[in-house]
């Protein structure tokens, strides 16, 4: 596993939990990613469905108090998403299938874009070997 994306993996796809770690929870493991995004060193690709999922998750009863704790509103997190992510059309279904259908959109986009896939989701990470066969690294952090 690489510690940081190389020139070939400067494009990233972030699952929703990673987005929350970066823009809500200020997770220490997500700090290198946040710095790279803010410095424009990575191209974060996303789809409208990914943004919609983030918006839906931000309304979860267990997330609302966390937003308040960090002094954030849903709009702050969505604005950070909009500032850093480049929205593109959803990709066709990849030849590898995730056991969790909600995670498939991240797999599809990463495979289509040949992007580094950042996720802490066990369903996604269990696919590491199959994704690597397609030239895709899937890992929890950079």
N, C-alpha and C. Protein backbone atom coordinates (compact mmCIF):
# COMPACT_ATOMS: atom_id res chain seq x y z
N UNK A 1 0.85 -1.18 0.00
CA UNK A 1 0.00 0.00 0.00
C UNK A 1 0.89 1.24 0.00
N UNK A 2 0.53 2.20 -0.80
CA UNK A 2 1.30 3.43 -0.89
C UNK A 2 0.87 4.41 0.18
N UNK A 3 1.83 5.19 0.66
CA UNK A 3 1.53 6.18 1.68
C UNK A 3 0.83 7.40 1.10
N UNK A 4 1.11 7.69 -0.16
CA UNK A 4 0.51 8.86 -0.81
C UNK A 4 0.30 8.54 -2.27
N UNK A 5 -0.65 9.20 -2.91
CA UNK A 5 -0.87 8.94 -4.32
C UNK A 5 0.32 9.41 -5.13
N UNK A 6 0.72 8.59 -6.10
CA UNK A 6 1.80 9.02 -6.98
C UNK A 6 1.20 9.77 -8.16
N UNK A 7 2.02 10.13 -9.11
CA UNK A 7 1.53 10.93 -10.24
C UNK A 7 0.41 10.21 -10.98
N UNK A 8 0.44 8.87 -10.98
CA UNK A 8 -0.58 8.09 -11.68
C UNK A 8 -1.91 8.11 -10.92
N UNK A 9 -1.87 8.34 -9.62
CA UNK A 9 -3.07 8.31 -8.79
C UNK A 9 -3.37 9.67 -8.18
N UNK A 10 -3.32 10.71 -8.95
CA UNK A 10 -3.63 12.04 -8.43
C UNK A 10 -5.12 12.31 -8.48
N UNK A 11 -5.88 11.42 -9.09
CA UNK A 11 -7.32 11.52 -9.11
C UNK A 11 -7.86 10.61 -8.01
N UNK A 12 -8.80 11.13 -7.23
CA UNK A 12 -9.35 10.35 -6.11
C UNK A 12 -10.87 10.33 -6.15
N UNK A 13 -11.40 9.26 -5.59
CA UNK A 13 -12.82 9.13 -5.32
C UNK A 13 -12.92 8.90 -3.82
N UNK A 14 -13.77 9.68 -3.15
CA UNK A 14 -13.92 9.60 -1.70
C UNK A 14 -15.30 9.09 -1.34
N UNK A 15 -15.35 8.07 -0.49
CA UNK A 15 -16.66 7.64 -0.04
C UNK A 15 -17.18 8.61 1.02
N UNK A 16 -18.43 8.49 1.35
CA UNK A 16 -19.08 9.45 2.24
C UNK A 16 -18.43 9.53 3.62
N UNK A 17 -18.02 8.39 4.16
CA UNK A 17 -17.38 8.41 5.48
C UNK A 17 -16.06 9.17 5.47
N UNK A 18 -15.32 9.08 4.38
CA UNK A 18 -14.08 9.83 4.26
C UNK A 18 -14.39 11.33 4.18
N UNK A 19 -15.42 11.69 3.44
CA UNK A 19 -15.83 13.09 3.34
C UNK A 19 -16.19 13.62 4.73
N UNK A 20 -16.91 12.83 5.49
CA UNK A 20 -17.26 13.24 6.86
C UNK A 20 -16.00 13.40 7.72
N UNK A 21 -15.06 12.47 7.59
CA UNK A 21 -13.81 12.58 8.35
C UNK A 21 -13.06 13.86 8.03
N UNK A 22 -13.06 14.23 6.76
CA UNK A 22 -12.32 15.42 6.32
C UNK A 22 -13.03 16.71 6.72
N UNK A 23 -14.32 16.80 6.44
CA UNK A 23 -15.01 18.07 6.55
C UNK A 23 -15.92 18.23 7.78
N UNK A 24 -16.12 17.16 8.55
CA UNK A 24 -16.92 17.27 9.76
C UNK A 24 -16.08 16.92 10.99
N UNK A 25 -15.54 15.71 11.00
CA UNK A 25 -14.90 15.20 12.20
C UNK A 25 -13.45 15.64 12.37
N UNK A 26 -12.87 16.24 11.33
CA UNK A 26 -11.49 16.71 11.40
C UNK A 26 -10.56 15.59 11.89
N UNK A 27 -10.81 14.38 11.40
CA UNK A 27 -10.07 13.18 11.79
C UNK A 27 -8.59 13.34 11.46
N UNK A 28 -7.74 12.97 12.40
CA UNK A 28 -6.28 13.12 12.22
C UNK A 28 -5.79 12.36 10.99
N UNK A 29 -6.34 11.16 10.76
CA UNK A 29 -5.91 10.37 9.60
C UNK A 29 -6.32 11.03 8.28
N UNK A 30 -7.30 11.91 8.32
CA UNK A 30 -7.78 12.57 7.10
C UNK A 30 -7.06 13.90 6.83
N UNK A 31 -6.23 14.34 7.74
CA UNK A 31 -5.55 15.64 7.57
C UNK A 31 -4.67 15.72 6.32
N UNK A 32 -3.86 14.68 6.00
CA UNK A 32 -3.08 14.77 4.76
C UNK A 32 -3.96 14.91 3.52
N UNK A 33 -5.10 14.22 3.52
CA UNK A 33 -6.05 14.34 2.41
C UNK A 33 -6.62 15.75 2.35
N UNK A 34 -7.03 16.29 3.48
CA UNK A 34 -7.59 17.64 3.51
C UNK A 34 -6.57 18.65 3.00
N UNK A 35 -5.34 18.53 3.44
CA UNK A 35 -4.29 19.46 2.98
C UNK A 35 -4.05 19.33 1.48
N UNK A 36 -4.03 18.09 0.97
CA UNK A 36 -3.82 17.88 -0.46
C UNK A 36 -4.97 18.44 -1.28
N UNK A 37 -6.20 18.29 -0.79
CA UNK A 37 -7.36 18.86 -1.50
C UNK A 37 -7.29 20.38 -1.50
N UNK A 38 -6.98 20.96 -0.33
CA UNK A 38 -6.92 22.42 -0.23
C UNK A 38 -5.78 23.01 -1.06
N UNK A 39 -4.71 22.23 -1.24
CA UNK A 39 -3.57 22.70 -2.03
C UNK A 39 -3.78 22.44 -3.52
N UNK A 40 -4.87 21.78 -3.88
CA UNK A 40 -5.13 21.48 -5.28
C UNK A 40 -4.24 20.38 -5.83
N UNK A 41 -3.71 19.55 -4.97
CA UNK A 41 -2.79 18.49 -5.39
C UNK A 41 -3.52 17.23 -5.86
N UNK A 42 -4.81 17.14 -5.58
CA UNK A 42 -5.61 15.99 -5.96
C UNK A 42 -6.84 16.46 -6.72
N UNK A 43 -7.28 15.65 -7.65
CA UNK A 43 -8.54 15.91 -8.34
C UNK A 43 -9.57 14.93 -7.77
N UNK A 44 -10.51 15.47 -7.01
CA UNK A 44 -11.55 14.65 -6.40
C UNK A 44 -12.74 14.61 -7.35
N UNK A 45 -13.03 13.42 -7.84
CA UNK A 45 -14.17 13.22 -8.72
C UNK A 45 -15.35 12.69 -7.92
N UNK A 46 -16.53 13.19 -8.23
CA UNK A 46 -17.75 12.75 -7.56
C UNK A 46 -18.91 12.86 -8.54
N UNK A 47 -20.01 12.26 -8.16
CA UNK A 47 -21.24 12.34 -8.95
C UNK A 47 -22.33 13.00 -8.11
N UNK A 48 -23.40 13.37 -8.77
CA UNK A 48 -24.53 13.97 -8.04
C UNK A 48 -25.08 12.98 -7.00
N UNK A 49 -25.08 11.69 -7.33
CA UNK A 49 -25.58 10.69 -6.38
C UNK A 49 -24.72 10.67 -5.12
N UNK A 50 -23.43 10.90 -5.26
CA UNK A 50 -22.54 10.94 -4.09
C UNK A 50 -22.83 12.18 -3.24
N UNK A 51 -23.07 13.30 -3.90
CA UNK A 51 -23.41 14.51 -3.16
C UNK A 51 -24.76 14.34 -2.46
N UNK A 52 -25.72 13.74 -3.16
CA UNK A 52 -27.03 13.50 -2.57
C UNK A 52 -26.92 12.59 -1.34
N UNK A 53 -26.07 11.57 -1.43
CA UNK A 53 -25.87 10.68 -0.28
C UNK A 53 -25.30 11.45 0.90
N UNK A 54 -24.31 12.30 0.64
CA UNK A 54 -23.73 13.11 1.71
C UNK A 54 -24.81 13.97 2.36
N UNK A 55 -25.62 14.62 1.55
CA UNK A 55 -26.67 15.48 2.09
C UNK A 55 -27.64 14.68 2.96
N UNK A 56 -27.97 13.48 2.51
CA UNK A 56 -28.88 12.60 3.27
C UNK A 56 -28.23 12.18 4.60
N UNK A 57 -26.95 11.82 4.57
CA UNK A 57 -26.25 11.38 5.78
C UNK A 57 -26.11 12.53 6.77
N UNK A 58 -25.90 13.73 6.28
CA UNK A 58 -25.77 14.89 7.18
C UNK A 58 -27.05 15.16 7.98
N UNK A 59 -28.17 14.62 7.53
CA UNK A 59 -29.44 14.78 8.24
C UNK A 59 -29.72 13.63 9.21
N UNK A 60 -28.83 12.65 9.30
CA UNK A 60 -29.03 11.52 10.21
C UNK A 60 -29.03 12.04 11.65
N UNK A 61 -29.90 11.47 12.50
CA UNK A 61 -29.97 11.92 13.90
C UNK A 61 -28.63 11.81 14.65
N UNK A 62 -27.80 10.86 14.30
CA UNK A 62 -26.51 10.73 14.99
C UNK A 62 -25.47 11.72 14.47
N UNK A 63 -25.70 12.32 13.31
CA UNK A 63 -24.74 13.27 12.73
C UNK A 63 -25.07 14.70 13.14
N UNK A 64 -26.33 15.03 13.27
CA UNK A 64 -26.74 16.41 13.59
C UNK A 64 -26.05 16.95 14.85
N UNK A 65 -25.98 16.17 15.95
CA UNK A 65 -25.28 16.70 17.13
C UNK A 65 -23.77 16.88 16.89
N UNK A 66 -23.21 16.05 16.03
CA UNK A 66 -21.78 16.18 15.72
C UNK A 66 -21.52 17.47 14.94
N UNK A 67 -22.41 17.78 14.02
CA UNK A 67 -22.28 19.05 13.28
C UNK A 67 -22.32 20.21 14.27
N UNK A 68 -23.29 20.16 15.19
CA UNK A 68 -23.42 21.24 16.18
C UNK A 68 -22.17 21.32 17.05
N UNK A 69 -21.64 20.17 17.46
CA UNK A 69 -20.44 20.14 18.30
C UNK A 69 -19.27 20.85 17.62
N UNK A 70 -19.14 20.64 16.31
CA UNK A 70 -18.04 21.25 15.55
C UNK A 70 -18.39 22.63 15.00
N UNK A 71 -19.58 23.14 15.34
CA UNK A 71 -19.99 24.45 14.88
C UNK A 71 -20.25 24.52 13.40
N UNK A 72 -20.76 23.43 12.84
CA UNK A 72 -21.01 23.34 11.40
C UNK A 72 -22.49 23.21 11.11
N UNK A 73 -22.86 23.64 9.94
CA UNK A 73 -24.20 23.42 9.41
C UNK A 73 -24.07 22.52 8.19
N UNK A 74 -25.16 21.89 7.82
CA UNK A 74 -25.15 21.04 6.62
C UNK A 74 -24.60 21.80 5.42
N UNK A 75 -25.02 23.05 5.29
CA UNK A 75 -24.57 23.88 4.17
C UNK A 75 -23.07 24.07 4.14
N UNK A 76 -22.43 24.13 5.30
CA UNK A 76 -20.96 24.28 5.36
C UNK A 76 -20.28 23.07 4.73
N UNK A 77 -20.77 21.89 5.08
CA UNK A 77 -20.16 20.65 4.58
C UNK A 77 -20.41 20.51 3.09
N UNK A 78 -21.63 20.81 2.66
CA UNK A 78 -21.94 20.72 1.22
C UNK A 78 -21.15 21.76 0.43
N UNK A 79 -20.92 22.94 1.01
CA UNK A 79 -20.11 23.96 0.34
C UNK A 79 -18.67 23.47 0.19
N UNK A 80 -18.14 22.78 1.19
CA UNK A 80 -16.79 22.23 1.09
C UNK A 80 -16.75 21.17 0.00
N UNK A 81 -17.77 20.33 -0.05
CA UNK A 81 -17.87 19.33 -1.12
C UNK A 81 -17.84 20.03 -2.48
N UNK A 82 -18.70 21.03 -2.63
CA UNK A 82 -18.81 21.74 -3.90
C UNK A 82 -17.51 22.45 -4.28
N UNK A 83 -16.79 22.95 -3.30
CA UNK A 83 -15.55 23.67 -3.54
C UNK A 83 -14.43 22.73 -4.02
N UNK A 84 -14.42 21.51 -3.50
CA UNK A 84 -13.29 20.62 -3.76
C UNK A 84 -13.57 19.52 -4.77
N UNK A 85 -14.82 19.09 -4.90
CA UNK A 85 -15.14 17.97 -5.79
C UNK A 85 -15.50 18.47 -7.17
N UNK A 86 -15.13 17.70 -8.17
CA UNK A 86 -15.56 17.98 -9.54
C UNK A 86 -16.65 16.97 -9.87
N UNK A 87 -17.88 17.47 -10.04
CA UNK A 87 -19.01 16.60 -10.36
C UNK A 87 -18.93 16.18 -11.82
N UNK A 88 -19.06 14.88 -12.02
CA UNK A 88 -19.10 14.34 -13.38
C UNK A 88 -20.29 13.39 -13.48
N UNK A 89 -20.58 12.96 -14.69
CA UNK A 89 -21.68 12.02 -14.90
C UNK A 89 -21.36 10.69 -14.22
N UNK A 90 -22.40 10.00 -13.78
CA UNK A 90 -22.22 8.68 -13.19
C UNK A 90 -21.60 7.74 -14.22
N UNK A 91 -20.76 6.85 -13.75
CA UNK A 91 -20.08 5.90 -14.62
C UNK A 91 -20.93 4.66 -14.83
N UNK A 92 -20.62 3.96 -15.91
CA UNK A 92 -21.27 2.67 -16.15
C UNK A 92 -20.85 1.69 -15.07
N UNK A 93 -21.64 0.67 -14.87
CA UNK A 93 -21.34 -0.36 -13.88
C UNK A 93 -20.00 -1.01 -14.20
N UNK A 94 -19.13 -1.06 -13.20
CA UNK A 94 -17.82 -1.70 -13.36
C UNK A 94 -17.99 -3.21 -13.42
N UNK A 95 -16.95 -3.88 -13.87
CA UNK A 95 -17.01 -5.35 -13.97
C UNK A 95 -16.84 -6.03 -12.62
N UNK A 96 -16.55 -5.25 -11.58
CA UNK A 96 -16.48 -5.79 -10.22
C UNK A 96 -17.68 -5.26 -9.45
N UNK A 97 -18.28 -6.13 -8.64
CA UNK A 97 -19.50 -5.77 -7.94
C UNK A 97 -19.28 -5.80 -6.44
N UNK A 98 -19.70 -4.75 -5.79
CA UNK A 98 -19.62 -4.64 -4.34
C UNK A 98 -20.83 -5.32 -3.71
N UNK A 99 -20.61 -5.96 -2.57
CA UNK A 99 -21.73 -6.64 -1.90
C UNK A 99 -22.75 -5.64 -1.34
N UNK A 100 -22.34 -4.38 -1.15
CA UNK A 100 -23.27 -3.35 -0.69
C UNK A 100 -23.61 -2.46 -1.88
N UNK A 101 -24.84 -2.53 -2.38
CA UNK A 101 -25.21 -1.75 -3.56
C UNK A 101 -25.00 -0.24 -3.38
N UNK A 102 -25.09 0.27 -2.15
CA UNK A 102 -24.88 1.69 -1.90
C UNK A 102 -23.44 2.13 -2.18
N UNK A 103 -22.51 1.18 -2.12
CA UNK A 103 -21.10 1.49 -2.36
C UNK A 103 -20.69 1.34 -3.82
N UNK A 104 -21.56 0.75 -4.63
CA UNK A 104 -21.19 0.46 -6.02
C UNK A 104 -20.83 1.72 -6.80
N UNK A 105 -21.50 2.83 -6.53
CA UNK A 105 -21.23 4.06 -7.29
C UNK A 105 -19.78 4.52 -7.11
N UNK A 106 -19.20 4.29 -5.93
CA UNK A 106 -17.82 4.68 -5.68
C UNK A 106 -16.86 3.77 -6.45
N UNK A 107 -17.19 2.47 -6.46
CA UNK A 107 -16.39 1.49 -7.22
C UNK A 107 -16.44 1.83 -8.70
N UNK A 108 -17.65 2.05 -9.22
CA UNK A 108 -17.82 2.34 -10.65
C UNK A 108 -17.00 3.55 -11.08
N UNK A 109 -17.08 4.61 -10.30
CA UNK A 109 -16.36 5.84 -10.67
C UNK A 109 -14.86 5.65 -10.57
N UNK A 110 -14.40 5.00 -9.52
CA UNK A 110 -12.96 4.78 -9.36
C UNK A 110 -12.41 3.95 -10.52
N UNK A 111 -13.12 2.91 -10.90
CA UNK A 111 -12.66 2.05 -12.00
C UNK A 111 -12.67 2.83 -13.32
N UNK A 112 -13.75 3.55 -13.58
CA UNK A 112 -13.86 4.30 -14.84
C UNK A 112 -12.79 5.38 -14.94
N UNK A 113 -12.49 6.03 -13.83
CA UNK A 113 -11.53 7.15 -13.83
C UNK A 113 -10.10 6.70 -13.52
N UNK A 114 -9.92 5.42 -13.22
CA UNK A 114 -8.60 4.92 -12.80
C UNK A 114 -8.09 5.74 -11.61
N UNK A 115 -8.97 5.93 -10.64
CA UNK A 115 -8.69 6.81 -9.50
C UNK A 115 -8.38 6.01 -8.24
N UNK A 116 -7.65 6.63 -7.36
CA UNK A 116 -7.44 6.11 -6.02
C UNK A 116 -8.78 6.19 -5.30
N UNK A 117 -9.19 5.09 -4.67
CA UNK A 117 -10.47 5.05 -3.96
C UNK A 117 -10.19 5.06 -2.47
N UNK A 118 -10.64 6.12 -1.80
CA UNK A 118 -10.46 6.22 -0.36
C UNK A 118 -11.77 5.89 0.34
N UNK A 119 -11.71 4.86 1.19
CA UNK A 119 -12.89 4.38 1.87
C UNK A 119 -12.47 3.64 3.13
N UNK A 120 -13.31 3.73 4.15
CA UNK A 120 -13.12 2.92 5.35
C UNK A 120 -14.18 1.83 5.42
N UNK A 121 -15.03 1.77 4.41
CA UNK A 121 -16.12 0.81 4.39
C UNK A 121 -15.58 -0.60 4.19
N UNK A 122 -16.00 -1.51 5.04
CA UNK A 122 -15.48 -2.88 4.97
C UNK A 122 -15.86 -3.58 3.66
N UNK A 123 -17.04 -3.25 3.11
CA UNK A 123 -17.44 -3.86 1.84
C UNK A 123 -16.49 -3.44 0.72
N UNK A 124 -16.13 -2.18 0.71
CA UNK A 124 -15.21 -1.66 -0.31
C UNK A 124 -13.81 -2.22 -0.09
N UNK A 125 -13.33 -2.14 1.13
CA UNK A 125 -11.96 -2.59 1.41
C UNK A 125 -11.79 -4.10 1.20
N UNK A 126 -12.87 -4.86 1.34
CA UNK A 126 -12.78 -6.30 1.09
C UNK A 126 -12.55 -6.59 -0.40
N UNK A 127 -12.72 -5.60 -1.24
CA UNK A 127 -12.55 -5.75 -2.69
C UNK A 127 -11.16 -5.33 -3.16
N UNK A 128 -10.25 -5.04 -2.25
CA UNK A 128 -8.94 -4.51 -2.62
C UNK A 128 -8.24 -5.32 -3.71
N UNK A 129 -8.18 -6.63 -3.55
CA UNK A 129 -7.48 -7.45 -4.54
C UNK A 129 -8.15 -7.40 -5.90
N UNK A 130 -9.48 -7.48 -5.90
CA UNK A 130 -10.19 -7.42 -7.19
C UNK A 130 -10.02 -6.06 -7.85
N UNK A 131 -10.02 -5.00 -7.05
CA UNK A 131 -9.83 -3.65 -7.61
C UNK A 131 -8.40 -3.47 -8.11
N UNK A 132 -7.45 -4.00 -7.37
CA UNK A 132 -6.05 -3.89 -7.79
C UNK A 132 -5.83 -4.55 -9.14
N UNK A 133 -6.57 -5.62 -9.41
CA UNK A 133 -6.48 -6.28 -10.73
C UNK A 133 -6.90 -5.33 -11.84
N UNK A 134 -7.67 -4.28 -11.50
CA UNK A 134 -8.09 -3.26 -12.47
C UNK A 134 -7.23 -2.00 -12.36
N UNK A 135 -6.14 -2.10 -11.58
CA UNK A 135 -5.25 -0.96 -11.41
C UNK A 135 -5.75 0.08 -10.42
N UNK A 136 -6.69 -0.30 -9.57
CA UNK A 136 -7.29 0.65 -8.62
C UNK A 136 -6.84 0.32 -7.21
N UNK A 137 -6.25 1.30 -6.54
CA UNK A 137 -5.93 1.16 -5.12
C UNK A 137 -7.15 1.59 -4.32
N UNK A 138 -7.50 0.78 -3.33
CA UNK A 138 -8.57 1.13 -2.39
C UNK A 138 -7.94 1.08 -1.00
N UNK A 139 -8.01 2.19 -0.30
CA UNK A 139 -7.39 2.26 1.02
C UNK A 139 -8.10 3.29 1.87
N UNK A 140 -7.89 3.23 3.21
CA UNK A 140 -8.64 4.12 4.09
C UNK A 140 -8.09 5.54 4.19
N UNK A 141 -6.87 5.78 3.78
CA UNK A 141 -6.27 7.12 3.89
C UNK A 141 -5.10 7.24 2.93
N UNK A 142 -4.66 8.48 2.72
CA UNK A 142 -3.45 8.68 1.91
C UNK A 142 -2.28 8.92 2.83
